[in-house]
Structure formats: C-alpha cells, structure tokens
Amino acid sequence: MQKTKKSIAKKFKITGTGKVMLRKPGYRHFLRNKSNSQSRRAGKDVCLDNAKQVATVKAAMPFANF
C-alpha cells in the first residue's frame, strides 16, 4: 500500500484542475525583519511549472484528488 509523504503534503497543494501549488517558506514568524513588499509577495502561492517536479510531488501524494 502506498503512503502519503507527509512532508510534501504539508508544503504542496494540488488544485482541482491538477496544478501543483507551493506556499513559500519562511513567513510565519520574524516578519518584523522583512519588508512589506517581501511579505506581500510571500502571501501568494506559486504554481510549479517544472514537469519533473510536478510528477514527483504527485507520486508522493497518491491519495490526492487530481
């Protein structure tokens, strides 16, 4: 039986259309040291474009609905 890689499941999200979204790390604390523009950019999820990375993430999350 396949198991979900929990470390990957916490960092990535698979959308309903099958895209793989990534939340940028490093923006949960120590935000006072970061500029406002950095914080604004970090609030947005990033879509993975590299097909090899997308395949790796999807293989590590066998029970995700995509």
N, C-alpha and C. Protein backbone atom coordinates (compact mmCIF):
# COMPACT_ATOMS: atom_id res chain seq x y z
N MET A 1 0.84 -1.19 0.00
CA MET A 1 0.00 0.00 0.00
C MET A 1 0.88 1.25 0.00
N GLN A 2 0.49 2.20 -0.79
CA GLN A 2 1.24 3.45 -0.86
C GLN A 2 0.89 4.35 0.31
N LYS A 3 1.86 5.12 0.72
CA LYS A 3 1.63 6.08 1.80
C LYS A 3 1.92 7.48 1.29
N THR A 4 1.22 8.44 1.86
CA THR A 4 1.45 9.84 1.52
C THR A 4 2.68 10.35 2.24
N LYS A 5 3.58 11.04 1.51
CA LYS A 5 4.74 11.68 2.13
C LYS A 5 4.25 12.92 2.84
N LYS A 6 4.21 12.90 4.16
CA LYS A 6 3.62 13.99 4.92
C LYS A 6 4.39 15.30 4.78
N SER A 7 5.72 15.22 4.62
CA SER A 7 6.49 16.45 4.46
C SER A 7 6.13 17.16 3.17
N ILE A 8 5.83 16.41 2.13
CA ILE A 8 5.42 17.02 0.86
C ILE A 8 3.99 17.49 0.94
N ALA A 9 3.13 16.73 1.61
CA ALA A 9 1.72 17.10 1.71
C ALA A 9 1.53 18.42 2.45
N LYS A 10 2.45 18.75 3.37
CA LYS A 10 2.34 19.99 4.12
C LYS A 10 2.78 21.20 3.32
N LYS A 11 3.63 20.99 2.31
CA LYS A 11 4.19 22.11 1.55
C LYS A 11 3.47 22.37 0.24
N PHE A 12 2.84 21.36 -0.31
CA PHE A 12 2.23 21.47 -1.63
C PHE A 12 0.73 21.22 -1.54
N LYS A 13 0.01 21.79 -2.51
CA LYS A 13 -1.43 21.58 -2.61
C LYS A 13 -1.75 21.32 -4.06
N ILE A 14 -2.59 20.34 -4.33
CA ILE A 14 -2.99 20.04 -5.70
C ILE A 14 -4.39 20.60 -5.90
N THR A 15 -4.54 21.45 -6.90
CA THR A 15 -5.82 22.11 -7.16
C THR A 15 -6.77 21.15 -7.86
N GLY A 16 -7.99 21.59 -8.04
CA GLY A 16 -8.99 20.77 -8.71
C GLY A 16 -8.67 20.49 -10.15
N THR A 17 -7.92 21.39 -10.79
CA THR A 17 -7.56 21.18 -12.19
C THR A 17 -6.25 20.42 -12.35
N GLY A 18 -5.59 20.07 -11.23
CA GLY A 18 -4.38 19.26 -11.28
C GLY A 18 -3.09 20.05 -11.17
N LYS A 19 -3.16 21.37 -11.00
CA LYS A 19 -1.95 22.16 -10.82
C LYS A 19 -1.37 21.90 -9.43
N VAL A 20 -0.07 22.04 -9.30
CA VAL A 20 0.59 21.87 -8.01
C VAL A 20 1.01 23.25 -7.52
N MET A 21 0.47 23.65 -6.35
CA MET A 21 0.75 24.96 -5.78
C MET A 21 1.69 24.78 -4.60
N LEU A 22 2.59 25.77 -4.43
CA LEU A 22 3.60 25.74 -3.38
C LEU A 22 3.50 27.02 -2.56
N ARG A 23 3.45 26.87 -1.24
CA ARG A 23 3.48 28.02 -0.34
C ARG A 23 4.93 28.32 -0.02
N LYS A 24 5.34 29.57 -0.18
CA LYS A 24 6.73 29.94 0.08
C LYS A 24 7.04 29.80 1.57
N PRO A 25 8.19 29.20 1.90
CA PRO A 25 8.54 29.04 3.31
C PRO A 25 9.16 30.30 3.90
N GLY A 26 9.18 30.37 5.21
CA GLY A 26 9.90 31.43 5.90
C GLY A 26 9.08 32.65 6.25
N TYR A 27 7.75 32.54 6.27
CA TYR A 27 6.94 33.72 6.53
C TYR A 27 5.90 33.47 7.62
N ARG A 28 6.27 32.73 8.65
CA ARG A 28 5.36 32.52 9.76
C ARG A 28 5.76 33.35 10.99
N HIS A 29 7.03 33.62 11.13
CA HIS A 29 7.49 34.45 12.24
C HIS A 29 8.71 35.22 11.79
N PHE A 30 9.21 36.11 12.66
CA PHE A 30 10.28 37.06 12.33
C PHE A 30 9.88 37.96 11.17
N LEU A 31 8.63 38.33 11.11
CA LEU A 31 8.15 39.14 9.98
C LEU A 31 8.54 40.60 10.12
N ARG A 32 8.90 41.01 11.32
CA ARG A 32 9.28 42.40 11.53
C ARG A 32 10.55 42.75 10.75
N ASN A 33 11.41 41.74 10.54
CA ASN A 33 12.67 41.97 9.85
C ASN A 33 12.51 42.01 8.34
N LYS A 34 11.36 41.59 7.84
CA LYS A 34 11.15 41.53 6.39
C LYS A 34 10.37 42.76 5.93
N SER A 35 10.65 43.18 4.72
CA SER A 35 9.99 44.38 4.20
C SER A 35 8.54 44.07 3.82
N ASN A 36 7.75 45.13 3.66
CA ASN A 36 6.35 44.95 3.30
C ASN A 36 6.20 44.29 1.94
N SER A 37 7.07 44.64 1.01
CA SER A 37 6.97 44.04 -0.32
C SER A 37 7.30 42.55 -0.27
N GLN A 38 8.25 42.17 0.57
CA GLN A 38 8.56 40.75 0.74
C GLN A 38 7.35 40.00 1.29
N SER A 39 6.69 40.59 2.29
CA SER A 39 5.54 39.94 2.90
C SER A 39 4.39 39.81 1.92
N ARG A 40 4.18 40.82 1.10
CA ARG A 40 3.12 40.75 0.09
C ARG A 40 3.38 39.64 -0.92
N ARG A 41 4.62 39.56 -1.40
CA ARG A 41 4.97 38.52 -2.37
C ARG A 41 4.85 37.13 -1.76
N ALA A 42 5.16 37.00 -0.50
CA ALA A 42 5.15 35.69 0.15
C ALA A 42 3.73 35.21 0.40
N GLY A 43 2.77 36.09 0.43
CA GLY A 43 1.39 35.69 0.68
C GLY A 43 0.75 34.96 -0.47
N LYS A 44 1.40 34.98 -1.63
CA LYS A 44 0.82 34.35 -2.81
C LYS A 44 1.46 32.98 -3.03
N ASP A 45 0.63 32.02 -3.39
CA ASP A 45 1.14 30.69 -3.71
C ASP A 45 1.78 30.72 -5.09
N VAL A 46 2.72 29.82 -5.30
CA VAL A 46 3.44 29.72 -6.56
C VAL A 46 3.03 28.41 -7.23
N CYS A 47 2.78 28.46 -8.52
CA CYS A 47 2.43 27.27 -9.28
C CYS A 47 3.72 26.64 -9.82
N LEU A 48 3.90 25.34 -9.58
CA LEU A 48 5.08 24.66 -10.10
C LEU A 48 4.92 24.45 -11.60
N ASP A 49 5.97 24.80 -12.36
CA ASP A 49 5.92 24.66 -13.81
C ASP A 49 6.75 23.48 -14.31
N ASN A 50 7.77 23.10 -13.57
CA ASN A 50 8.66 22.04 -13.99
C ASN A 50 7.91 20.70 -13.95
N ALA A 51 7.80 20.04 -15.10
CA ALA A 51 7.01 18.81 -15.20
C ALA A 51 7.59 17.70 -14.34
N LYS A 52 8.91 17.65 -14.21
CA LYS A 52 9.52 16.59 -13.41
C LYS A 52 9.21 16.77 -11.93
N GLN A 53 9.24 18.03 -11.46
CA GLN A 53 8.90 18.29 -10.06
C GLN A 53 7.44 17.99 -9.79
N VAL A 54 6.58 18.35 -10.73
CA VAL A 54 5.14 18.09 -10.57
C VAL A 54 4.89 16.59 -10.47
N ALA A 55 5.55 15.81 -11.31
CA ALA A 55 5.37 14.36 -11.28
C ALA A 55 5.87 13.77 -9.96
N THR A 56 6.96 14.31 -9.42
CA THR A 56 7.50 13.83 -8.15
C THR A 56 6.52 14.10 -7.01
N VAL A 57 5.95 15.31 -7.01
CA VAL A 57 5.01 15.68 -5.95
C VAL A 57 3.75 14.82 -6.04
N LYS A 58 3.23 14.63 -7.23
CA LYS A 58 2.01 13.82 -7.39
C LYS A 58 2.25 12.36 -7.03
N ALA A 59 3.45 11.86 -7.30
CA ALA A 59 3.76 10.47 -6.94
C ALA A 59 3.85 10.30 -5.43
N ALA A 60 4.25 11.36 -4.73
CA ALA A 60 4.38 11.27 -3.27
C ALA A 60 3.04 11.48 -2.56
N MET A 61 2.02 11.90 -3.32
CA MET A 61 0.69 12.09 -2.73
C MET A 61 -0.32 11.24 -3.50
N PRO A 62 -0.32 9.91 -3.28
CA PRO A 62 -1.15 9.03 -4.10
C PRO A 62 -2.64 9.19 -3.87
N PHE A 63 -3.06 9.75 -2.74
CA PHE A 63 -4.48 9.85 -2.44
C PHE A 63 -5.06 11.23 -2.71
N ALA A 64 -4.26 12.12 -3.28
CA ALA A 64 -4.76 13.46 -3.62
C ALA A 64 -5.70 13.34 -4.80
N ASN A 65 -6.73 14.16 -4.78
CA ASN A 65 -7.71 14.14 -5.87
C ASN A 65 -7.26 15.05 -6.98
N PHE A 66 -6.76 14.46 -8.07
CA PHE A 66 -6.37 15.26 -9.23
C PHE A 66 -6.69 14.50 -10.49
